[in-house]
Amino acid sequence: MLSPEFLTEIFEKARRKLYFPPIERFEVSEGVSKFEFGRRSRLIVGKEDLVANKKALEGFFALNLNHWAKHPYDLKTVLLEEYWLKEFEKRSEIRDIFDDLVSALDLIFNRGIEEIIDYYRYAPIKGKHDVLVRAYLQRVSGEQIIKASEEIESRVDELMKIDFLDLRKMRLRMNLIRFANLIEDLIEGFEPKIKFEDLSDEDLRQALKEVAWELDEREFEDFCAFIGKKTDTEIKKPRKLWYMEKARNYSIYIQPLSRTGSLYPSEIKEFEFDDRIEAYNPVESYGKLIPGIAKKFVYEDFEGMASGIADAVIVMDSSGSMTDPEKSVSYAVLGAFVIARNYLENGAKVGVVNFSNENISLPPARGEVVFDHLILYQGGGTHLDVDELKGYLSRLSQPDLIMITDGGIENIDEVVDFVSKLRSLTLIWIKKHVKGLKEFKERVERLKGIRGVEIFEVEDEKDIPSIAVKRFGDFYA
């Protein structure tokens, strides 16, 4: 029996060679080895993997620690790989074996850790899939590991055509599927190290936000349905989540604060993906944006800081002539999300007046309710209830007013007369949707000369998020 002191010595030696990834402890269990990504990454070592050979044991620890350091790196990648393999019955097993192979190759060729070969030489063989992996590593390393059959060697020939260390998203996906076709029928008696049942709802929530950056809106909905079914976790409103995260691609997170004193932070806390990127502390976070590991400065605790951002009200056209955000990408909605995120991230509140046949209004607020009102699609006629809007604004203290519309408003004269009397207005006008363009253009010209009115004429709806950045990205520009 290997003593805890001996195991800890080998574990720390492996950590040192990998520049001390922050998995500071391991646990020994009766079951299989597991690596748990999440708010606190953990390594659980199954007793059957505790080989007596010292170098092989160091290779085992290095292999698993490298899952955090190299691949799959985070839970987002695990979920994406699982999704890409959804057509394969043994998808979890394939993913786990593939990830081990990528980690092993990185250790051998990029880090010069030869002990990984000793691990594959001495560790128990768990099935034909294990023979294939070892025969492949034998071929690429030139080290003697195993004697394989001609049939296995012919599959090794095919594996040699895959660049396992090319981890760009599209290449990773292709490599994973090619690997799956070569190994699935060989897998037997294998239990994955990373299991979905070990994931908490909080872990999934954070990973889903990262995945939204990687997929288009329809693929993300399909992904959420797949993951929800696999984990028995209901993923509500995936389309809204997708828009919220895509808005981050355009938002400019600045710090709109007046500094009059020391900027030394009184506290460092865990960084969450909802935090401003300026708060991120890369030194304390090992260079990774992973919840539970990444750290942030707490700006609220700095001396001499005070917020100076007005609240905003977004008047959102959701009539039938606007793009339905549930059916295809609405860049008007995405632009509205960009604007809202910038205000919210900088401490302000955001109100919404969503109009079509009626006004559906939200007083300035914080949180997801803002995005619920922005993504709401009424799909009716284009009528803005001006009297109701007047009453709504009369209860507020001079908010920044932003209107996003295609301009085909039935009562456009009434609307122009009202907004021309406001303190300020930013109008984002999607020109291509308007019938009777000349008539509306004349009304817009009336507004252009009014102080405090800023008009962005949009030919292509896809330009709206970029305009939102230009106008609202830096409140102190």
Protein backbone atom coordinates (compact mmCIF):
# COMPACT_ATOMS: atom_id res chain seq x y z
CA MET A 1 0.00 0.00 0.00
CA LEU A 2 1.40 3.39 -1.02
CA SER A 3 1.53 5.78 1.92
CA PRO A 4 -0.28 9.17 1.79
CA GLU A 5 3.07 10.91 2.34
CA PHE A 6 4.64 9.16 -0.64
CA LEU A 7 1.64 9.95 -2.89
CA THR A 8 1.69 13.59 -1.84
CA GLU A 9 5.40 13.82 -2.62
CA ILE A 10 4.84 12.49 -6.16
CA PHE A 11 1.77 14.68 -6.64
CA GLU A 12 3.69 17.82 -5.68
CA LYS A 13 6.54 16.86 -7.97
CA ALA A 14 4.11 16.61 -10.90
CA ARG A 15 2.55 19.95 -9.94
CA ARG A 16 5.97 21.59 -9.86
CA LYS A 17 6.77 20.46 -13.38
CA LEU A 18 3.43 21.90 -14.56
CA TYR A 19 4.10 25.25 -12.83
CA PHE A 20 1.78 24.58 -9.90
CA PRO A 21 -1.77 24.46 -11.28
CA PRO A 22 -4.12 25.34 -8.39
CA ILE A 23 -5.42 21.81 -7.81
CA GLU A 24 -3.67 21.69 -4.48
CA ARG A 25 -4.99 18.39 -3.14
CA PHE A 26 -6.18 15.01 -4.35
CA GLU A 27 -8.43 12.43 -2.77
CA VAL A 28 -8.12 8.65 -2.92
CA SER A 29 -11.35 6.71 -3.49
CA GLU A 30 -12.44 3.11 -3.98
CA GLY A 31 -13.92 3.91 -7.40
CA VAL A 32 -12.41 5.17 -10.63
CA SER A 33 -10.28 8.27 -10.98
CA LYS A 34 -12.18 11.49 -11.64
CA PHE A 35 -11.31 15.06 -12.53
CA GLU A 36 -13.98 17.56 -11.53
CA PHE A 37 -14.14 20.93 -13.28
CA GLY A 38 -16.17 23.63 -11.59
CA ARG A 39 -15.89 26.32 -8.96
CA ARG A 40 -13.30 24.15 -7.25
CA SER A 41 -11.46 21.75 -9.57
CA ARG A 42 -10.66 18.47 -7.82
CA LEU A 43 -8.68 15.34 -8.60
CA ILE A 44 -10.05 12.09 -7.18
CA VAL A 45 -7.71 9.13 -7.56
CA GLY A 46 -9.10 5.62 -7.86
CA LYS A 47 -7.02 3.00 -6.05
CA GLU A 48 -6.72 0.89 -9.21
CA ASP A 49 -4.72 3.71 -10.85
CA LEU A 50 -2.14 3.84 -8.08
CA VAL A 51 0.60 1.87 -9.84
CA ALA A 52 3.65 1.01 -7.76
CA ASN A 53 6.18 2.36 -10.25
CA LYS A 54 7.26 5.84 -9.08
CA LYS A 55 7.79 7.36 -12.52
CA ALA A 56 4.50 5.90 -13.78
CA LEU A 57 2.70 7.40 -10.80
CA GLU A 58 4.19 10.81 -11.54
CA GLY A 59 3.02 10.42 -15.15
CA PHE A 60 -0.49 9.62 -13.90
CA PHE A 61 -0.66 12.78 -11.79
CA ALA A 62 0.78 14.89 -14.61
CA LEU A 63 -1.76 13.48 -17.08
CA ASN A 64 -4.69 14.50 -14.90
CA LEU A 65 -3.32 17.86 -13.80
CA ASN A 66 -2.75 18.69 -17.46
CA HIS A 67 -6.49 18.50 -18.06
CA TRP A 68 -6.69 21.80 -16.21
CA ALA A 69 -3.51 23.23 -17.70
CA LYS A 70 -3.94 22.20 -21.35
CA HIS A 71 -7.02 20.20 -22.32
CA PRO A 72 -9.94 20.18 -21.91
CA TYR A 73 -8.96 23.26 -19.85
CA ASP A 74 -12.47 24.09 -18.63
CA LEU A 75 -16.00 22.75 -18.34
CA LYS A 76 -17.11 24.65 -21.45
CA THR A 77 -14.82 22.50 -23.61
CA VAL A 78 -16.11 19.32 -21.97
CA LEU A 79 -19.71 20.30 -22.75
CA LEU A 80 -18.91 21.26 -26.35
CA GLU A 81 -17.07 18.01 -26.99
CA GLU A 82 -19.98 16.05 -25.56
CA TYR A 83 -22.38 17.97 -27.81
CA TRP A 84 -20.26 17.47 -30.93
CA LEU A 85 -20.34 13.72 -30.22
CA LYS A 86 -24.11 13.60 -29.70
CA GLU A 87 -24.57 11.13 -32.57
CA PHE A 88 -22.29 8.58 -30.86
CA GLU A 89 -23.67 6.21 -28.26
CA LYS A 90 -20.44 6.14 -26.23
CA ARG A 91 -19.87 9.88 -26.49
CA SER A 92 -18.71 10.39 -22.88
CA GLU A 93 -16.18 7.57 -23.10
CA ILE A 94 -14.86 8.82 -26.45
CA ARG A 95 -14.52 12.35 -25.14
CA ASP A 96 -12.65 11.22 -22.05
CA ILE A 97 -10.18 9.01 -23.96
CA PHE A 98 -9.59 11.78 -26.51
CA ASP A 99 -8.92 14.33 -23.78
CA ASP A 100 -6.44 11.98 -22.12
CA LEU A 101 -4.63 11.53 -25.42
CA VAL A 102 -4.37 15.29 -26.06
CA SER A 103 -3.08 15.81 -22.52
CA ALA A 104 -0.53 13.01 -22.92
CA LEU A 105 0.79 14.28 -26.26
CA ASP A 106 1.19 17.78 -24.85
CA LEU A 107 3.18 16.40 -21.91
CA ILE A 108 5.44 14.34 -24.16
CA PHE A 109 6.16 16.80 -26.97
CA ASN A 110 5.59 20.26 -25.49
CA ARG A 111 6.68 19.78 -21.89
CA GLY A 112 9.21 16.97 -22.11
CA ILE A 113 7.63 14.95 -19.31
CA GLU A 114 8.79 11.44 -20.17
CA GLU A 115 7.05 9.89 -17.14
CA ILE A 116 3.83 9.85 -19.14
CA ILE A 117 5.27 6.98 -21.20
CA ASP A 118 5.97 5.05 -17.97
CA TYR A 119 2.34 5.52 -16.94
CA TYR A 120 1.03 4.00 -20.17
CA ARG A 121 3.63 1.25 -19.95
CA TYR A 122 2.71 0.12 -16.41
CA ALA A 123 -0.94 1.10 -15.88
CA PRO A 124 -3.53 -1.70 -16.24
CA ILE A 125 -4.97 -2.15 -19.74
CA LYS A 126 -8.73 -1.53 -19.53
CA GLY A 127 -9.82 -2.69 -22.97
CA LYS A 128 -9.08 -2.73 -26.70
CA HIS A 129 -9.41 1.05 -26.82
CA ASP A 130 -6.52 1.22 -24.34
CA VAL A 131 -4.41 -0.99 -26.59
CA LEU A 132 -5.07 1.36 -29.52
CA VAL A 133 -4.08 4.45 -27.54
CA ARG A 134 -0.86 2.84 -26.30
CA ALA A 135 0.04 1.55 -29.74
CA TYR A 136 -0.42 5.08 -31.10
CA LEU A 137 1.74 6.62 -28.35
CA GLN A 138 4.34 3.95 -29.03
CA ARG A 139 4.39 4.90 -32.69
CA VAL A 140 4.69 8.67 -32.14
CA SER A 141 7.18 8.50 -29.26
CA GLY A 142 9.39 5.65 -30.50
CA GLU A 143 9.28 4.12 -26.99
CA GLN A 144 8.33 0.48 -26.39
CA ILE A 145 4.96 0.34 -24.63
CA ILE A 146 2.86 -2.56 -25.99
CA LYS A 147 2.65 -5.24 -28.65
CA ALA A 148 -0.40 -4.72 -30.86
CA SER A 149 -2.19 -6.72 -33.55
CA GLU A 150 -2.16 -5.85 -37.25
CA GLU A 151 -5.77 -4.68 -37.00
CA ILE A 152 -4.85 -2.25 -34.22
CA GLU A 153 -1.77 -1.08 -36.12
CA SER A 154 -3.93 -0.33 -39.17
CA ARG A 155 -6.05 1.97 -36.99
CA VAL A 156 -2.89 3.58 -35.68
CA ASP A 157 -2.09 4.43 -39.30
CA GLU A 158 -5.33 6.42 -39.43
CA LEU A 159 -4.72 8.08 -36.07
CA MET A 160 -1.36 9.29 -37.39
CA LYS A 161 -3.29 11.52 -39.82
CA ILE A 162 -4.92 13.48 -36.97
CA ASP A 163 -3.16 16.51 -35.47
CA PHE A 164 -4.38 16.08 -31.90
CA LEU A 165 -2.61 19.22 -30.67
CA ASP A 166 -4.45 21.50 -33.07
CA LEU A 167 -7.12 22.72 -30.64
CA ARG A 168 -8.74 25.40 -32.75
CA LYS A 169 -12.50 24.98 -32.46
CA MET A 170 -13.32 23.72 -35.95
CA ARG A 171 -10.23 21.51 -36.11
CA LEU A 172 -10.91 20.14 -32.64
CA ARG A 173 -14.42 19.20 -33.66
CA MET A 174 -13.26 17.43 -36.82
CA ASN A 175 -10.46 15.61 -35.01
CA LEU A 176 -12.81 14.47 -32.26
CA ILE A 177 -15.30 12.96 -34.73
CA ARG A 178 -12.53 11.27 -36.75
CA PHE A 179 -11.17 9.82 -33.53
CA ALA A 180 -14.65 8.64 -32.49
CA ASN A 181 -15.14 6.70 -35.71
CA LEU A 182 -11.84 4.90 -35.17
CA ILE A 183 -12.27 3.93 -31.53
CA GLU A 184 -15.94 3.65 -30.52
CA ASP A 185 -16.35 -0.05 -31.37
CA LEU A 186 -13.25 -0.87 -29.29
CA ILE A 187 -14.46 0.75 -26.05
CA GLU A 188 -15.37 -1.65 -23.28
CA GLY A 189 -15.40 -1.51 -19.49
CA PHE A 190 -14.40 2.13 -19.40
CA GLU A 191 -15.80 4.79 -17.08
CA PRO A 192 -15.12 8.47 -17.86
CA LYS A 193 -13.16 10.63 -15.43
CA ILE A 194 -15.38 13.68 -15.98
CA LYS A 195 -19.06 12.86 -15.39
CA PHE A 196 -22.10 15.01 -15.95
CA GLU A 197 -23.78 13.79 -12.80
CA ASP A 198 -20.95 15.39 -10.81
CA LEU A 199 -21.78 18.86 -12.15
CA SER A 200 -23.71 21.34 -10.02
CA ASP A 201 -26.36 23.66 -11.46
CA GLU A 202 -24.01 26.58 -10.76
CA ASP A 203 -21.18 24.91 -12.67
CA LEU A 204 -23.52 24.33 -15.62
CA ARG A 205 -24.85 27.89 -15.53
CA GLN A 206 -21.38 29.39 -15.77
CA ALA A 207 -20.27 26.96 -18.49
CA LEU A 208 -23.39 27.64 -20.57
CA LYS A 209 -22.58 31.36 -20.59
CA GLU A 210 -19.17 30.56 -22.04
CA VAL A 211 -20.61 28.15 -24.62
CA ALA A 212 -22.97 30.87 -25.88
CA TRP A 213 -19.90 32.67 -27.24
CA GLU A 214 -18.98 29.66 -29.37
CA LEU A 215 -22.28 28.76 -31.09
CA ASP A 216 -24.86 30.51 -33.23
CA GLU A 217 -28.31 31.05 -31.74
CA ARG A 218 -30.00 27.95 -33.21
CA GLU A 219 -27.11 25.65 -32.40
CA PHE A 220 -27.05 27.05 -28.87
CA GLU A 221 -30.73 26.22 -28.40
CA ASP A 222 -30.08 22.68 -29.64
CA PHE A 223 -27.07 22.48 -27.33
CA CYS A 224 -29.17 23.57 -24.32
CA ALA A 225 -31.82 20.98 -25.11
CA PHE A 226 -29.15 18.27 -25.37
CA ILE A 227 -27.37 19.24 -22.15
CA GLY A 228 -30.65 19.74 -20.29
CA LYS A 229 -31.84 16.27 -21.23
CA LYS A 230 -28.51 14.70 -20.33
CA THR A 231 -28.26 16.41 -16.94
CA ASP A 232 -31.98 16.52 -16.02
CA THR A 233 -31.55 20.28 -15.64
CA GLU A 234 -34.07 22.61 -17.25
CA ILE A 235 -32.33 25.38 -19.13
CA LYS A 236 -34.81 28.24 -19.31
CA LYS A 237 -34.87 30.81 -22.10
CA PRO A 238 -31.71 29.73 -23.96
CA ARG A 239 -32.26 32.36 -26.68
CA LYS A 240 -32.19 35.19 -24.13
CA LEU A 241 -29.02 33.75 -22.59
CA TRP A 242 -27.44 33.64 -26.05
CA TYR A 243 -28.24 37.33 -26.71
CA MET A 244 -26.93 38.32 -23.27
CA GLU A 245 -23.60 36.63 -23.85
CA LYS A 246 -23.24 37.73 -27.46
CA ALA A 247 -23.69 41.30 -26.26
CA ARG A 248 -20.38 40.90 -24.43
CA ASN A 249 -18.63 40.66 -27.82
CA TYR A 250 -19.54 44.29 -28.44
CA SER A 251 -19.65 45.84 -24.98
CA ILE A 252 -16.75 47.97 -23.83
CA TYR A 253 -16.41 47.61 -20.08
CA ILE A 254 -15.01 50.89 -18.80
CA GLN A 255 -14.86 52.17 -15.27
CA PRO A 256 -16.96 55.38 -15.11
CA LEU A 257 -15.76 56.45 -11.68
CA SER A 258 -14.22 59.63 -10.30
CA ARG A 259 -10.96 58.76 -8.57
CA THR A 260 -9.88 61.06 -5.78
CA GLY A 261 -7.86 58.77 -3.51
CA SER A 262 -5.79 55.61 -3.30
CA LEU A 263 -6.53 52.82 -5.75
CA TYR A 264 -5.19 50.05 -3.51
CA PRO A 265 -7.88 47.34 -3.22
CA SER A 266 -9.06 46.48 0.24
CA GLU A 267 -10.15 43.02 -0.84
CA ILE A 268 -9.75 40.42 -3.59
CA LYS A 269 -12.67 38.09 -4.26
CA GLU A 270 -13.63 35.38 -6.76
CA PHE A 271 -14.27 36.66 -10.27
CA GLU A 272 -17.62 35.77 -11.83
CA PHE A 273 -18.47 36.05 -15.51
CA ASP A 274 -21.04 38.74 -14.72
CA ASP A 275 -18.28 40.99 -13.36
CA ARG A 276 -16.65 43.79 -15.33
CA ILE A 277 -13.53 42.57 -17.11
CA GLU A 278 -11.55 45.47 -15.60
CA ALA A 279 -12.01 43.85 -12.20
CA TYR A 280 -10.18 40.70 -13.34
CA ASN A 281 -6.83 40.07 -11.61
CA PRO A 282 -4.72 37.87 -13.96
CA VAL A 283 -1.87 37.34 -11.50
CA GLU A 284 -4.08 35.90 -8.76
CA SER A 285 -6.06 33.96 -11.38
CA TYR A 286 -3.20 32.00 -12.99
CA GLY A 287 -4.16 33.72 -16.25
CA LYS A 288 -7.50 31.86 -16.46
CA LEU A 289 -11.07 33.15 -16.49
CA ILE A 290 -12.49 30.17 -14.63
CA PRO A 291 -15.01 30.70 -11.79
CA GLY A 292 -13.63 29.54 -8.49
CA ILE A 293 -10.07 30.16 -9.68
CA ALA A 294 -10.16 33.63 -11.26
CA LYS A 295 -9.94 36.56 -8.85
CA LYS A 296 -11.08 40.18 -9.00
CA PHE A 297 -10.39 43.48 -7.33
CA VAL A 298 -13.43 44.83 -5.49
CA TYR A 299 -13.71 48.32 -6.92
CA GLU A 300 -16.47 49.33 -4.55
CA ASP A 301 -13.95 49.09 -1.74
CA PHE A 302 -11.44 51.46 -3.34
CA GLU A 303 -11.07 54.86 -1.73
CA GLY A 304 -12.51 57.98 -3.37
CA MET A 305 -14.76 56.40 -6.00
CA ALA A 306 -18.26 57.51 -6.92
CA SER A 307 -20.54 56.48 -9.80
CA GLY A 308 -21.71 59.11 -12.25
CA ILE A 309 -23.99 57.35 -14.77
CA ALA A 310 -27.60 58.32 -15.45
CA ASP A 311 -30.24 55.63 -15.75
CA ALA A 312 -31.35 54.68 -19.26
CA VAL A 313 -34.67 53.98 -20.92
CA ILE A 314 -34.67 51.94 -24.12
CA VAL A 315 -37.76 52.39 -26.30
CA MET A 316 -37.81 49.16 -28.29
CA ASP A 317 -39.83 48.60 -31.45
CA SER A 318 -41.08 44.98 -31.52
CA SER A 319 -43.65 45.32 -34.30
CA GLY A 320 -44.16 42.81 -37.10
CA SER A 321 -41.73 44.64 -39.40
CA MET A 322 -38.88 44.07 -36.95
CA THR A 323 -36.94 40.79 -36.83
CA ASP A 324 -38.38 38.21 -34.42
CA PRO A 325 -35.46 37.37 -32.08
CA GLU A 326 -36.85 33.88 -31.48
CA LYS A 327 -36.72 32.97 -35.17
CA SER A 328 -33.48 34.54 -36.37
CA VAL A 329 -30.81 36.89 -35.11
CA SER A 330 -32.27 40.31 -34.32
CA TYR A 331 -29.39 42.74 -34.35
CA ALA A 332 -31.77 45.38 -33.01
CA VAL A 333 -32.29 43.25 -29.90
CA LEU A 334 -28.58 42.45 -29.73
CA GLY A 335 -27.79 46.17 -29.92
CA ALA A 336 -30.30 46.87 -27.16
CA PHE A 337 -28.64 44.20 -25.03
CA VAL A 338 -25.24 45.84 -25.66
CA ILE A 339 -26.57 49.21 -24.49
CA ALA A 340 -28.31 47.72 -21.46
CA ARG A 341 -25.25 45.75 -20.40
CA ASN A 342 -23.04 48.85 -20.50
CA TYR A 343 -25.40 50.81 -18.29
CA LEU A 344 -25.96 47.93 -15.87
CA GLU A 345 -22.28 47.04 -15.65
CA ASN A 346 -21.55 50.63 -14.70
CA GLY A 347 -24.04 50.75 -11.85
CA ALA A 348 -27.04 52.38 -13.57
CA LYS A 349 -30.58 51.06 -13.98
CA VAL A 350 -32.29 50.41 -17.30
CA GLY A 351 -35.98 50.87 -18.07
CA VAL A 352 -37.73 49.49 -21.16
CA VAL A 353 -40.72 50.61 -23.19
CA ASN A 354 -41.44 47.78 -25.63
CA PHE A 355 -43.99 48.96 -28.20
CA SER A 356 -46.08 47.47 -30.97
CA ASN A 357 -49.85 47.67 -30.71
CA GLU A 358 -49.33 48.58 -27.04
CA ASN A 359 -46.60 49.80 -24.73
CA ILE A 360 -45.24 47.19 -22.33
CA SER A 361 -43.20 49.18 -19.85
CA LEU A 362 -40.63 48.35 -17.20
CA PRO A 363 -39.49 51.07 -14.76
CA PRO A 364 -35.69 51.40 -14.49
CA ALA A 365 -34.42 48.20 -12.90
CA ARG A 366 -31.45 45.88 -12.65
CA GLY A 367 -31.14 42.20 -13.47
CA GLU A 368 -32.52 39.84 -16.10
CA VAL A 369 -35.98 41.42 -16.10
CA VAL A 370 -34.46 44.17 -18.29
CA PHE A 371 -33.46 41.65 -20.95
CA ASP A 372 -36.84 39.89 -20.68
CA HIS A 373 -38.51 43.11 -21.81
CA LEU A 374 -35.97 43.84 -24.54
CA ILE A 375 -36.30 40.43 -26.17
CA LEU A 376 -40.10 40.43 -25.94
CA TYR A 377 -41.58 40.32 -29.45
CA GLN A 378 -45.16 41.53 -29.89
CA GLY A 379 -45.23 41.29 -33.68
CA GLY A 380 -48.24 43.55 -34.22
CA GLY A 381 -48.70 47.00 -35.68
CA THR A 382 -46.26 49.86 -35.08
CA HIS A 383 -48.00 52.29 -32.73
CA LEU A 384 -46.20 54.06 -29.89
CA ASP A 385 -48.60 55.22 -27.18
CA VAL A 386 -47.19 58.71 -26.65
CA ASP A 387 -49.46 59.64 -23.73
CA GLU A 388 -48.40 56.51 -21.87
CA LEU A 389 -44.74 57.22 -22.65
CA LYS A 390 -45.13 60.78 -21.33
CA GLY A 391 -46.58 59.49 -18.08
CA TYR A 392 -43.82 56.89 -17.80
CA LEU A 393 -41.03 59.45 -18.29
CA SER A 394 -42.66 62.02 -15.98
CA ARG A 395 -41.99 59.69 -13.04
CA LEU A 396 -38.26 59.51 -13.80
CA SER A 397 -35.37 61.91 -13.25
CA GLN A 398 -34.00 62.76 -16.70
CA PRO A 399 -32.86 59.32 -17.92
CA ASP A 400 -30.89 58.79 -21.12
CA LEU A 401 -33.50 57.91 -23.74
CA ILE A 402 -32.64 55.52 -26.57
CA MET A 403 -35.10 54.49 -29.29
CA ILE A 404 -34.53 51.59 -31.69
CA THR A 405 -37.04 51.39 -34.55
CA ASP A 406 -37.43 50.88 -38.27
CA GLY A 407 -39.44 54.08 -38.32
CA GLY A 408 -42.63 52.67 -39.75
CA ILE A 409 -44.62 54.11 -36.85
CA GLU A 410 -48.29 54.77 -37.61
CA ASN A 411 -48.45 57.90 -35.44
CA ILE A 412 -45.01 59.16 -36.46
CA ASP A 413 -45.95 62.86 -36.41
CA GLU A 414 -47.14 62.60 -32.82
CA VAL A 415 -43.96 60.76 -31.86
CA VAL A 416 -41.66 63.31 -33.56
CA ASP A 417 -43.46 66.22 -31.89
CA PHE A 418 -43.03 64.60 -28.48
CA VAL A 419 -39.39 63.53 -28.72
CA SER A 420 -38.37 66.90 -30.16
CA LYS A 421 -39.19 68.41 -26.76
CA LEU A 422 -37.06 65.99 -24.75
CA ARG A 423 -33.75 66.86 -23.06
CA SER A 424 -31.91 64.19 -25.04
CA LEU A 425 -32.60 61.30 -27.39
CA THR A 426 -30.51 58.75 -29.24
CA LEU A 427 -32.42 57.37 -32.22
CA ILE A 428 -31.20 54.22 -34.00
CA TRP A 429 -33.19 54.11 -37.23
CA ILE A 430 -33.18 50.99 -39.41
CA LYS A 431 -33.83 52.65 -42.76
CA LYS A 432 -34.32 49.66 -45.04
CA HIS A 433 -37.51 48.54 -43.30
CA VAL A 434 -39.46 51.77 -43.80
CA LYS A 435 -42.17 52.09 -46.41
CA GLY A 436 -42.63 55.65 -47.61
CA LEU A 437 -38.98 56.41 -46.85
CA LYS A 438 -39.19 60.00 -48.12
CA GLU A 439 -41.94 60.93 -45.67
CA PHE A 440 -40.11 59.51 -42.68
CA LYS A 441 -36.81 61.04 -43.76
CA GLU A 442 -38.44 64.47 -43.73
CA ARG A 443 -39.51 63.93 -40.13
CA VAL A 444 -36.01 62.76 -39.16
CA GLU A 445 -34.57 65.92 -40.72
CA ARG A 446 -36.75 67.94 -38.30
CA LEU A 447 -35.06 66.18 -35.38
CA LYS A 448 -31.47 66.54 -36.64
CA GLY A 449 -31.28 70.20 -35.83
CA ILE A 450 -32.53 69.81 -32.28
CA ARG A 451 -29.97 70.04 -29.52
CA GLY A 452 -29.55 66.80 -27.57
CA VAL A 453 -30.89 64.60 -30.35
CA GLU A 454 -28.43 62.13 -31.89
CA ILE A 455 -29.51 60.04 -34.87
CA PHE A 456 -27.83 56.94 -36.29
CA GLU A 457 -29.21 55.93 -39.69
CA VAL A 458 -28.63 52.20 -40.21
CA GLU A 459 -28.62 50.70 -43.70
CA ASP A 460 -27.70 47.21 -42.47
CA GLU A 461 -29.23 45.95 -39.23
CA LYS A 462 -25.99 44.08 -38.45
CA ASP A 463 -24.34 47.46 -37.81
CA ILE A 464 -26.51 48.20 -34.77
CA PRO A 465 -24.31 46.49 -32.11
CA SER A 466 -21.24 48.34 -33.39
CA ILE A 467 -23.13 51.62 -33.27
CA ALA A 468 -24.17 50.82 -29.72
CA VAL A 469 -20.50 50.42 -28.80
CA LYS A 470 -19.55 53.65 -30.55
CA ARG A 471 -22.27 55.62 -28.81
CA PHE A 472 -22.50 53.93 -25.41
CA GLY A 473 -19.22 52.10 -24.91
CA ASP A 474 -17.44 54.92 -23.14
CA PHE A 475 -19.63 57.11 -20.98
CA TYR A 476 -16.78 59.53 -20.41
CA ALA A 477 -15.57 59.86 -24.00
